[in-house]
Structure formats: structure tokens, C-alpha cells
Amino acid sequence: MTAHYWCELAWLGGSRASEGVVIAVDGDRISAVCAGVPVRPEGAVPLAGLTLPALANAHSHAFHRALRGRTHAGRSSFWTWRDLMYRVAGRLDPDSYRRLARAVFAEMALAGIGAVGEFHYVHHRPGGDSYEDPNAMGAAMVGAAADAGIRLTLLDTLYLHGGLDPTLDGGYGPLAPPQARFGDGNADRWIDRVERLASTASGPTVRIGAAVHSVRAVDPPSIKAATDWSRERGTPLHFHASEQPAENEQCIAVHGMSPIEVIAQAGGLGPGTTVVHATHANGRDQTMIGEAGAFCCLCPSTERDLADGTGPSVGLSRQGAGLCLGSDSHATVDLFEEARTVELDQRAASGVRGVFSTEALAEMATSGGCRSLGWPEAGRLEAGALADFATVSLDSVRTAGADADSALAATIFGASSADVHHLVVGGRTVVRDGRHTTIDVAAELAAAITEVTAP
């Protein structure tokens, strides 16, 4: 049976919204899009405001959401923040992690996010022993996303070492006690576990991808092994890289080159690759990412929260890299904020306005993220695309006064996640009138966060 939605305004590409757009949905796909329909057809669901493709959050660590408000006061750095993060990681088990992730993914749905890339590295019990099901934690993520009603690319992460250390033979230190549960021992054991996960975690809204935590945590031969596995199966492959200056310095001391050069030499750069952050990528690094046809996932709210710096988004774009966005540590879950921060940071640094066009920022939050996560059939409103779309109110105090000419810019530069009032994923309504259709999100967040942070 075909369902119809009548959009007051819809973004079909370009800088201007189209008026009176009817979206026809058959199953989980859009079957037709027709603009210029001034009156809502009988039976069509009315969507007041601006409808755009559902947003894609290309980089998430769901459990970091428990740190919001608990790590922001006082002087600190990424490295001191990391110690606090490890404490929360140590409290997780499959049941508590599913409850927390379910609530976090539902918070994303309220923000108009229809797909998330979960960079997942909390694999085993504290101390490193496997659960009876070695993929119990990954299965918890799959179940949580299904509960929340959004698409999931589970980026199962290879994590083997405790850090780079030029004073040690081989240049790598062992996993510290809080990191023990992240590691599989070696790349072959990781491959064996992920193969089993990929054979059991199936469904129309879940895909399994691969991630290498970082050059700090994975040696070059193991990076190659993970890359080969990903390439053979055609999965997305994500890396943290060049997030902090100290990371670059340590990598040069051990390997004589930058983290991105190490990844490139191990074969890790390619069209299916997403480099996360690249905040301190130099010009050569940016050229390599662009020439490889890879993506860079920018996470500006986290990068500024952790005092990491402002990434080279302009240089990466000029070199041909695709750009997408992530909420990472979930200091906030708001991809409109992430998108406009990319532009506003560049304005502050360059003294020039309009470094990125409004439509380019919107593409980072939609189609760019979908392609990074291995959902190329999502991220656009057209026949044949997945029926994933979100609607933003244009009558809030943040967006009031917008028209077809200004609606997209008003959304990107003025709206917040609180302005999303409808979300459809795969033809199913997940958010209606600003509320999740099945989850009391605030209550579940409060309970799940208390569970993993209480003394």
C-alpha cells in the first residue's frame, strides 16, 4: 500500500526549498516525488515546515553520552577527559549498554537522525575475557538501534595496543587495565569475531563495517589486515587520525611519518574510507585523503569541547575529500549545530563568510554521512531512495519567518534539534509531533546514565 506525505516545503537540492511536495512511499522506498502541489491531497500526511532527507550521524560512541555535564568543568585536556571516559566504559555490560544506547539512539531520532555509525570498541568483559557470546556488546548495539528505529552501521573496531611509545621495542605499549576489554589480542582474532557478528547481525536497517581505532592503538600490519578484510567485503572502513598534536608527534617519533601516512602505506585510504577528525592533518595528509576519494568526518562540537582544535575542512574539500559530520562524544546531539560550526569556525579563522555554501553544509549532514556509512541509497528525496526523511518546524522562535528562499539557511544556521517534529525511517514513522513513538527518551536517558555513573 502506498503512503503519501504532503510537505509544505521540501529540500530537493540546491539552495531553495520546493513548495507543496508530495512524497509517495512504498514499503521502505520512495516511489515518487512531485513538487508544486499547492493543496494537500486527500489522505496524505501533512508535514508542516521543511522536510529534508533524514540526517546521518557518521561518528558516535554511544556510551560517551553519560559524560555530558560530568567532564566539562575545570582545566583539562583530551587525555584527562579520556581517563574519565574509561571509568564509564568499565561500568558497562551488555544489558546496561543496550539500555543506554537505546536511549541515546532515540535522542538522535528526536534530532532528525535516521542513520548512525557506531564506532564500537567496548567488546569484552572488564579485564579482557570474552562474554559467552563474544559479540554480546555488538548485539546490544544492534538491538538498541532497532528499538530506537534508526539505521545502524556498526563499525566494529580493532584495538590492540595501549599507545605509541618510542622508548619501547616495536614502538607500542601494552593495553592499560581500563583498555583490556577493548582488545582482541591480534587482528586474526578480531577478524574471526567480526565474521561471526556479520553472519548473525542482519536486517534491512543494520550493516556491519570495520574501524581501526587509531595508529596509536593498531600497528601497521594489523591495519593492513583490517583493511584487507573490509575491502574484500565491501564494507565502510573508519579510522580516528590526527586528532591531537601529541598523537602526530608520537607517530612521527615511532614511524617517521604522520598517522595518515601510516594508514596510507598500509593500504587504508580508499573510496570506502572515512578518516575521523583529521584535525591536525597537514597539507600532504589532506592531499592523500582527497586523492584517495576518501571521506573525513568532522565532529566540531566534540573537537572544541575537548580543545582539540579546528579541522582543515577547506583544505580537505579542495583536495576532493568528501565531508560528513558526527556527534562523537555527544557533548550535544544536533547535526545542525555541527554543520554550521564547520562554516562558522572557518569564518572566524579566515575572515571570510560563505566558505561553504548552505547546500554543501546540508549535504554533509545528509548524503555525505549516508555514503560514509555505506547507505548510498539514502540521503536524498527522490524516487528509488530509502524513505528516510525528517521535518523541521518553521514556526519556532529560532525559525519563524522563513520562506521557501530562506528555509534551508534558517534551518542550518538557526534551527536546533528541538525543532525536528517528524522523522520517517524506512517508511516507518519514528518521531511524531516532536515525540518518539515508542520511547520516553528523557526518562530512559536519565535511568540509563544513572545506572552507569552512580557511585
Protein backbone atom coordinates (compact mmCIF):
# COMPACT_ATOMS: atom_id res chain seq x y z
CA MET A 1 0.00 0.00 0.00
CA THR A 2 1.36 3.41 -0.96
CA ALA A 3 1.57 6.10 1.73
CA HIS A 4 1.64 9.77 0.79
CA TYR A 5 3.15 12.73 2.63
CA TRP A 6 2.43 16.33 1.69
CA CYS A 7 5.34 18.61 2.59
CA GLU A 8 4.72 22.32 2.98
CA LEU A 9 8.36 22.77 1.91
CA ALA A 10 10.98 20.17 0.98
CA TRP A 11 14.66 20.39 0.18
CA LEU A 12 15.25 18.55 -3.08
CA GLY A 13 18.71 20.03 -3.68
CA GLY A 14 20.08 23.48 -4.34
CA SER A 15 19.72 26.49 -2.08
CA ARG A 16 15.95 26.92 -2.28
CA ALA A 17 13.20 24.70 -0.88
CA SER A 18 10.44 23.43 -3.13
CA GLU A 19 6.84 24.19 -2.23
CA GLY A 20 3.98 21.72 -1.99
CA VAL A 21 5.91 18.46 -2.37
CA VAL A 22 4.18 15.08 -2.28
CA ILE A 23 6.37 12.10 -1.32
CA ALA A 24 4.95 8.69 -2.15
CA VAL A 25 6.32 5.74 -0.17
CA ASP A 26 6.02 2.05 -1.00
CA GLY A 27 7.47 -0.19 1.69
CA ASP A 28 10.82 1.26 2.73
CA ARG A 29 11.41 3.23 -0.50
CA ILE A 30 10.29 6.50 -2.01
CA SER A 31 8.33 5.66 -5.16
CA ALA A 32 7.66 9.21 -6.39
CA VAL A 33 8.31 12.86 -5.53
CA CYS A 34 6.09 15.56 -7.02
CA ALA A 35 6.63 19.28 -6.35
CA GLY A 36 4.23 22.16 -6.95
CA VAL A 37 1.15 20.63 -5.33
CA PRO A 38 -0.41 23.60 -3.50
CA VAL A 39 -3.22 21.71 -1.75
CA ARG A 40 -2.73 18.60 0.37
CA PRO A 41 -4.19 15.57 -1.41
CA GLU A 42 -6.85 13.67 0.48
CA GLY A 43 -5.27 11.04 2.73
CA ALA A 44 -1.76 12.48 2.56
CA VAL A 45 0.01 13.02 5.88
CA PRO A 46 0.64 16.77 6.31
CA LEU A 47 4.21 17.78 7.17
CA ALA A 48 4.37 21.47 8.08
CA GLY A 49 7.78 23.12 7.87
CA LEU A 50 10.83 21.99 5.92
CA THR A 51 11.25 18.32 5.06
CA LEU A 52 14.73 17.13 4.17
CA PRO A 53 16.48 13.76 3.96
CA ALA A 54 16.98 12.21 7.39
CA LEU A 55 20.32 13.26 8.84
CA ALA A 56 23.24 10.83 9.12
CA ASN A 57 25.47 10.83 12.20
CA ALA A 58 28.68 9.34 10.85
CA HIS A 59 30.58 9.06 14.15
CA SER A 60 29.18 8.03 17.52
CA HIS A 61 30.42 6.50 20.75
CA ALA A 62 27.08 5.89 22.44
CA PHE A 63 28.38 5.43 25.97
CA HIS A 64 30.11 8.83 25.93
CA ARG A 65 26.65 10.38 26.29
CA ALA A 66 26.85 9.52 30.00
CA LEU A 67 29.72 12.03 30.35
CA ARG A 68 27.66 15.07 29.34
CA GLY A 69 27.82 17.60 32.17
CA ARG A 70 30.30 15.49 34.13
CA THR A 71 33.56 16.35 32.36
CA HIS A 72 33.24 19.99 31.37
CA ALA A 73 34.29 21.94 34.46
CA GLY A 74 37.86 22.85 35.35
CA ARG A 75 41.07 22.81 33.37
CA SER A 76 41.78 19.60 31.50
CA SER A 77 42.69 18.11 28.12
CA PHE A 78 41.69 15.26 25.86
CA TRP A 79 43.97 12.99 27.82
CA THR A 80 42.42 13.75 31.24
CA TRP A 81 38.94 13.51 29.72
CA ARG A 82 39.89 10.07 28.39
CA ASP A 83 40.58 8.81 31.92
CA LEU A 84 37.03 9.76 32.96
CA MET A 85 35.66 8.09 29.83
CA TYR A 86 37.42 4.85 30.75
CA ARG A 87 35.63 4.82 34.11
CA VAL A 88 32.24 4.80 32.41
CA ALA A 89 33.39 2.16 29.92
CA GLY A 90 34.34 -0.04 32.85
CA ARG A 91 30.76 0.02 34.16
CA LEU A 92 29.09 -1.31 31.02
CA ASP A 93 27.69 -4.78 30.42
CA PRO A 94 25.50 -5.95 27.53
CA ASP A 95 22.24 -5.17 29.31
CA SER A 96 23.20 -1.75 30.66
CA TYR A 97 24.84 -0.81 27.37
CA ARG A 98 21.72 -1.71 25.41
CA ARG A 99 19.60 0.43 27.70
CA LEU A 100 21.97 3.37 27.39
CA ALA A 101 22.45 3.06 23.64
CA ARG A 102 18.71 2.63 23.05
CA ALA A 103 18.09 5.94 24.78
CA VAL A 104 20.97 7.68 23.00
CA PHE A 105 19.86 6.45 19.59
CA ALA A 106 16.33 7.57 20.39
CA GLU A 107 17.73 11.01 21.29
CA MET A 108 19.30 11.01 17.83
CA ALA A 109 15.93 10.17 16.28
CA LEU A 110 14.41 13.20 18.03
CA ALA A 111 17.18 15.24 16.38
CA GLY A 112 16.18 14.05 12.89
CA ILE A 113 18.97 11.47 12.59
CA GLY A 114 17.92 8.42 10.62
CA ALA A 115 21.28 6.62 10.44
CA VAL A 116 24.23 6.37 12.82
CA GLY A 117 27.74 5.00 12.55
CA GLU A 118 28.63 3.49 15.93
CA PHE A 119 32.42 3.31 16.33
CA HIS A 120 32.23 0.33 18.67
CA TYR A 121 35.19 -0.86 20.71
CA VAL A 122 33.81 -1.98 24.09
CA HIS A 123 33.84 -5.66 23.15
CA HIS A 124 34.64 -7.84 26.16
CA ARG A 125 34.34 -8.07 29.93
CA PRO A 126 36.43 -5.76 32.11
CA GLY A 127 39.84 -7.44 32.21
CA GLY A 128 39.53 -8.67 28.64
CA ASP A 129 37.77 -12.04 28.95
CA SER A 130 35.11 -12.66 26.33
CA TYR A 131 31.44 -12.90 27.12
CA GLU A 132 29.83 -16.28 26.40
CA ASP A 133 28.78 -14.66 23.15
CA PRO A 134 31.93 -12.78 22.07
CA ASN A 135 29.69 -10.30 20.25
CA ALA A 136 27.28 -9.69 23.11
CA MET A 137 28.16 -5.99 23.24
CA GLY A 138 27.82 -5.59 19.47
CA ALA A 139 24.47 -7.38 19.57
CA ALA A 140 23.41 -4.89 22.24
CA MET A 141 24.15 -2.03 19.83
CA VAL A 142 22.18 -3.71 17.04
CA GLY A 143 19.22 -4.24 19.33
CA ALA A 144 19.39 -0.70 20.67
CA ALA A 145 19.24 0.84 17.20
CA ALA A 146 16.34 -1.42 16.23
CA ASP A 147 14.48 -0.35 19.37
CA ALA A 148 15.11 3.31 18.57
CA GLY A 149 14.00 2.87 14.95
CA ILE A 150 17.11 4.18 13.19
CA ARG A 151 19.61 2.65 10.79
CA LEU A 152 22.91 1.42 12.20
CA THR A 153 26.29 0.90 10.64
CA LEU A 154 28.12 -0.94 13.40
CA LEU A 155 31.79 -0.10 12.88
CA ASP A 156 33.37 -2.93 14.83
CA THR A 157 36.71 -1.56 15.95
CA LEU A 158 40.15 -3.15 16.04
CA TYR A 159 42.03 -2.04 19.18
CA LEU A 160 45.28 -3.83 20.11
CA HIS A 161 47.77 -1.54 21.88
CA GLY A 162 47.83 0.97 24.71
CA GLY A 163 49.60 3.70 22.77
CA LEU A 164 52.69 4.72 20.86
CA ASP A 165 55.92 4.78 22.84
CA PRO A 166 59.24 5.43 21.04
CA THR A 167 61.19 4.11 24.06
CA LEU A 168 59.77 0.59 23.62
CA ASP A 169 60.89 -2.09 21.21
CA GLY A 170 58.33 -2.04 18.40
CA GLY A 171 57.04 1.36 19.46
CA TYR A 172 53.80 0.19 21.10
CA GLY A 173 52.86 -0.21 24.74
CA PRO A 174 50.50 -2.87 26.12
CA LEU A 175 46.84 -2.18 26.80
CA ALA A 176 46.30 -0.45 30.11
CA PRO A 177 43.87 -2.18 32.50
CA PRO A 178 40.90 0.03 31.50
CA GLN A 179 41.60 -0.73 27.83
CA ALA A 180 41.80 -4.51 28.24
CA ARG A 181 38.15 -5.04 27.35
CA PHE A 182 38.65 -3.25 24.01
CA GLY A 183 41.24 -5.67 22.61
CA ASP A 184 41.01 -8.99 20.75
CA GLY A 185 44.71 -9.82 21.09
CA ASN A 186 45.52 -9.72 17.41
CA ALA A 187 43.95 -8.92 14.06
CA ASP A 188 43.14 -12.55 13.23
CA ARG A 189 41.05 -12.94 16.38
CA TRP A 190 39.29 -9.66 15.61
CA ILE A 191 38.52 -10.89 12.08
CA ASP A 192 37.15 -14.17 13.41
CA ARG A 193 34.86 -12.35 15.85
CA VAL A 194 33.64 -9.80 13.30
CA GLU A 195 32.95 -12.55 10.76
CA ARG A 196 30.63 -14.16 13.29
CA LEU A 197 28.98 -10.83 14.03
CA ALA A 198 28.42 -10.14 10.34
CA SER A 199 26.81 -13.57 9.90
CA THR A 200 24.28 -13.01 12.68
CA ALA A 201 23.55 -9.26 12.66
CA SER A 202 21.34 -8.88 9.63
CA GLY A 203 18.29 -6.91 8.65
CA PRO A 204 17.18 -4.05 6.45
CA THR A 205 18.35 -1.36 8.89
CA VAL A 206 21.73 -2.73 10.02
CA ARG A 207 25.08 -3.07 8.26
CA ILE A 208 28.41 -4.19 9.70
CA GLY A 209 31.51 -2.17 8.91
CA ALA A 210 35.06 -2.04 10.18
CA ALA A 211 37.09 0.50 12.09
CA VAL A 212 40.68 0.83 13.19
CA HIS A 213 40.72 2.77 16.41
CA SER A 214 43.88 4.73 15.56
CA VAL A 215 47.53 4.38 14.71
CA ARG A 216 48.05 4.76 18.46
CA ALA A 217 46.15 1.52 19.08
CA VAL A 218 46.87 -0.54 15.96
CA ASP A 219 50.23 -1.35 14.32
CA PRO A 220 50.66 -1.12 10.53
CA PRO A 221 50.49 -4.87 9.73
CA SER A 222 47.25 -5.11 11.69
CA ILE A 223 45.89 -2.01 9.92
CA LYS A 224 46.55 -3.83 6.64
CA ALA A 225 44.74 -6.95 7.88
CA ALA A 226 41.67 -4.93 8.85
CA THR A 227 41.80 -3.05 5.57
CA ASP A 228 42.02 -6.25 3.55
CA TRP A 229 39.02 -7.70 5.42
CA SER A 230 36.98 -4.56 4.79
CA ARG A 231 37.92 -4.29 1.12
CA GLU A 232 37.12 -7.96 0.45
CA ARG A 233 33.62 -7.49 1.87
CA GLY A 234 32.97 -4.00 0.58
CA THR A 235 32.28 -2.52 3.99
CA PRO A 236 32.93 1.02 5.21
CA LEU A 237 36.28 1.44 6.96
CA HIS A 238 36.75 4.22 9.53
CA PHE A 239 39.84 5.49 11.37
CA HIS A 240 40.48 8.05 14.09
CA ALA A 241 43.51 10.03 12.93
CA SER A 242 45.44 13.19 13.80
CA GLU A 243 43.00 14.26 16.49
CA GLN A 244 45.67 15.81 18.76
CA PRO A 245 49.17 17.22 18.16
CA ALA A 246 50.64 14.73 20.66
CA GLU A 247 49.30 11.87 18.55
CA ASN A 248 51.14 13.21 15.49
CA GLU A 249 54.33 13.76 17.45
CA GLN A 250 54.29 10.23 18.89
CA CYS A 251 53.58 8.72 15.49
CA ILE A 252 56.44 10.59 13.83
CA ALA A 253 58.77 9.51 16.64
CA VAL A 254 57.86 5.83 16.13
CA HIS A 255 57.11 5.60 12.40
CA GLY A 256 58.82 8.66 10.94
CA MET A 257 55.57 9.83 9.36
CA SER A 258 52.11 11.13 10.22
CA PRO A 259 49.22 8.84 11.21
CA ILE A 260 47.52 9.40 7.86
CA GLU A 261 50.72 8.47 6.02
CA VAL A 262 50.90 5.27 8.08
CA ILE A 263 47.30 4.46 7.16
CA ALA A 264 48.02 5.18 3.50
CA GLN A 265 51.12 2.95 3.43
CA ALA A 266 49.07 0.13 4.96
CA GLY A 267 46.53 0.48 2.13
CA GLY A 268 43.87 2.00 4.34
CA LEU A 269 42.94 5.02 2.22
CA GLY A 270 40.34 4.50 -0.48
CA PRO A 271 36.80 5.41 -1.56
CA GLY A 272 35.32 3.35 1.28
CA THR A 273 37.49 5.00 3.94
CA THR A 274 36.43 7.70 6.40
CA VAL A 275 39.10 9.46 8.43
CA VAL A 276 37.55 10.82 11.60
CA HIS A 277 38.73 14.25 12.81
CA ALA A 278 41.98 14.83 10.85
CA THR A 279 42.12 17.99 12.96
CA HIS A 280 45.90 18.26 12.66
CA ALA A 281 46.31 16.78 9.19
CA ASN A 282 48.98 18.61 7.23
CA GLY A 283 48.80 19.56 3.58
CA ARG A 284 50.28 16.28 2.37
CA ASP A 285 47.81 14.35 4.53
CA GLN A 286 44.89 16.32 3.10
CA THR A 287 46.07 15.64 -0.45
CA MET A 288 46.31 11.91 0.20
CA ILE A 289 42.80 11.77 1.66
CA GLY A 290 41.38 13.69 -1.28
CA GLU A 291 43.26 11.78 -3.98
CA ALA A 292 42.07 8.50 -2.44
CA GLY A 293 38.44 9.60 -2.75
CA ALA A 294 38.04 9.13 0.99
CA PHE A 295 35.78 10.96 3.44
CA CYS A 296 36.62 12.97 6.51
CA CYS A 297 34.13 13.02 9.35
CA LEU A 298 34.21 16.34 11.19
CA CYS A 299 32.92 16.43 14.78
CA PRO A 300 33.23 20.12 15.65
CA SER A 301 31.26 20.10 18.92
CA THR A 302 33.46 17.37 20.36
CA GLU A 303 36.64 18.78 18.87
CA ARG A 304 36.07 22.16 20.50
CA ASP A 305 34.75 20.61 23.74
CA LEU A 306 37.99 18.62 24.10
CA ALA A 307 40.12 21.61 22.99
CA ASP A 308 41.45 19.59 20.07
CA GLY A 309 41.35 22.43 17.55
CA THR A 310 39.59 23.30 14.29
CA GLY A 311 39.97 20.85 11.43
CA PRO A 312 41.15 21.68 7.89
CA SER A 313 37.73 21.32 6.29
CA VAL A 314 38.50 23.78 3.49
CA GLY A 315 41.77 22.11 2.50
CA LEU A 316 40.19 18.67 2.57
CA SER A 317 37.28 19.81 0.43
CA ARG A 318 39.58 21.48 -2.10
CA GLN A 319 41.59 18.27 -2.40
CA GLY A 320 38.44 16.30 -3.21
CA ALA A 321 37.70 14.63 0.11
CA GLY A 322 34.06 14.03 0.95
CA LEU A 323 32.89 15.62 4.20
CA CYS A 324 30.40 14.32 6.72
CA LEU A 325 29.50 15.02 10.34
CA GLY A 326 29.39 13.21 13.67
CA SER A 327 28.34 13.95 17.22
CA ASP A 328 31.16 11.72 18.55
CA SER A 329 31.15 12.19 22.35
CA HIS A 330 27.63 13.66 22.32
CA ALA A 331 28.51 16.88 24.06
CA THR A 332 25.42 17.77 22.06
CA VAL A 333 23.32 15.72 19.64
CA ASP A 334 22.48 18.30 17.00
CA LEU A 335 23.76 17.95 13.44
CA PHE A 336 22.51 21.44 12.54
CA GLU A 337 24.95 22.72 15.17
CA GLU A 338 27.71 20.52 13.76
CA ALA A 339 27.05 21.74 10.20
CA ARG A 340 27.01 25.45 10.97
CA THR A 341 30.07 25.14 13.21
CA VAL A 342 32.08 23.85 10.25
CA GLU A 343 31.29 27.10 8.44
CA LEU A 344 31.44 29.47 11.40
CA ASP A 345 34.82 28.16 12.55
CA GLN A 346 36.19 28.85 9.07
CA ARG A 347 34.69 32.34 9.09
CA ALA A 348 36.41 33.07 12.40
CA ALA A 349 39.74 31.75 11.10
CA SER A 350 39.66 33.30 7.60
CA GLY A 351 37.67 36.50 7.98
CA VAL A 352 35.55 35.41 5.00
CA ARG A 353 31.86 34.50 5.08
CA GLY A 354 30.36 31.77 2.93
CA VAL A 355 33.36 29.45 2.84
CA PHE A 356 30.89 26.59 2.38
CA SER A 357 27.52 27.04 0.73
CA THR A 358 24.39 26.29 2.72
CA GLU A 359 23.60 23.34 0.47
CA ALA A 360 27.13 21.95 0.95
CA LEU A 361 26.62 22.02 4.72
CA ALA A 362 23.25 20.30 4.31
CA GLU A 363 24.87 17.63 2.15
CA MET A 364 27.48 16.97 4.85
CA ALA A 365 24.64 16.25 7.29
CA THR A 366 22.66 14.04 4.89
CA SER A 367 24.06 12.39 1.76
CA GLY A 368 27.70 12.74 2.85
CA GLY A 369 27.10 10.85 6.05
CA CYS A 370 24.97 8.21 4.33
CA ARG A 371 27.70 7.45 1.80
CA SER A 372 30.36 7.32 4.52
CA LEU A 373 28.25 4.75 6.39
CA GLY A 374 27.54 2.54 3.41
CA TRP A 375 23.96 3.71 2.75
CA PRO A 376 24.34 5.35 -0.70
CA GLU A 377 20.65 4.76 -1.40
CA ALA A 378 19.72 7.16 1.44
CA GLY A 379 20.32 10.87 1.96
CA ARG A 380 18.16 12.30 -0.82
CA LEU A 381 14.47 12.78 -1.61
CA GLU A 382 13.92 11.09 -4.96
CA ALA A 383 12.24 8.03 -6.42
CA GLY A 384 14.12 4.85 -5.52
CA ALA A 385 15.82 6.28 -2.44
CA LEU A 386 15.20 4.90 1.02
CA ALA A 387 12.18 6.53 2.63
CA ASP A 388 14.15 8.34 5.34
CA PHE A 389 13.16 11.97 5.92
CA ALA A 390 12.84 14.49 8.73
CA THR A 391 10.72 17.61 9.09
CA VAL A 392 11.81 20.78 10.86
CA SER A 393 9.29 23.28 12.25
CA LEU A 394 9.48 26.76 10.79
CA ASP A 395 7.32 28.38 13.45
CA SER A 396 9.62 28.16 16.49
CA VAL A 397 11.36 31.22 17.91
CA ARG A 398 14.51 30.03 16.13
CA THR A 399 13.00 29.54 12.67
CA ALA A 400 9.91 31.78 12.47
CA GLY A 401 9.76 33.98 9.39
CA ALA A 402 11.46 31.58 6.97
CA ASP A 403 10.07 31.10 3.47
CA ALA A 404 10.99 28.87 0.53
CA ASP A 405 14.01 31.02 -0.29
CA SER A 406 15.39 31.08 3.25
CA ALA A 407 14.13 27.85 4.82
CA LEU A 408 17.30 25.81 4.27
CA ALA A 409 19.59 28.54 5.60
CA ALA A 410 17.24 29.20 8.52
CA THR A 411 17.44 25.51 9.37
CA ILE A 412 21.19 25.10 9.02
CA PHE A 413 22.11 28.37 10.74
CA GLY A 414 19.23 28.84 13.17
CA ALA A 415 17.38 25.62 13.98
CA SER A 416 18.21 23.21 16.76
CA SER A 417 17.44 19.55 17.17
CA ALA A 418 14.41 20.60 19.24
CA ASP A 419 12.81 21.93 16.05
CA VAL A 420 12.54 18.46 14.49
CA HIS A 421 8.93 17.32 14.80
CA HIS A 422 8.69 14.33 12.44
CA LEU A 423 11.01 11.51 11.37
CA VAL A 424 10.33 8.66 8.98
CA VAL A 425 12.91 5.86 8.58
CA GLY A 426 12.31 3.12 6.03
CA GLY A 427 8.72 4.26 5.63
CA ARG A 428 8.02 3.95 9.35
CA THR A 429 7.17 6.97 11.49
CA VAL A 430 9.67 7.12 14.35
CA VAL A 431 9.04 10.66 15.64
CA ARG A 432 5.62 12.31 15.52
CA ASP A 433 4.84 15.81 16.83
CA GLY A 434 8.26 16.01 18.44
CA ARG A 435 7.89 12.79 20.42
CA HIS A 436 9.39 9.38 19.86
CA THR A 437 6.59 6.97 19.01
CA THR A 438 7.73 4.18 21.36
CA ILE A 439 10.33 5.52 23.83
CA ASP A 440 10.15 8.04 26.68
CA VAL A 441 13.57 9.34 25.74
CA ALA A 442 14.32 11.72 28.62
CA ALA A 443 13.24 9.20 31.25
CA GLU A 444 15.24 6.37 29.69
CA LEU A 445 18.32 8.57 29.31
CA ALA A 446 18.14 9.58 32.97
CA ALA A 447 17.77 6.00 34.19
CA ALA A 448 20.47 4.56 31.91
CA ILE A 449 23.00 7.29 32.68
CA THR A 450 22.40 6.98 36.44
CA GLU A 451 22.97 3.23 36.18
CA VAL A 452 26.47 3.61 34.72
CA THR A 453 27.63 6.69 36.65
CA ALA A 454 26.22 6.21 40.18
CA PRO A 455 28.86 5.70 42.89
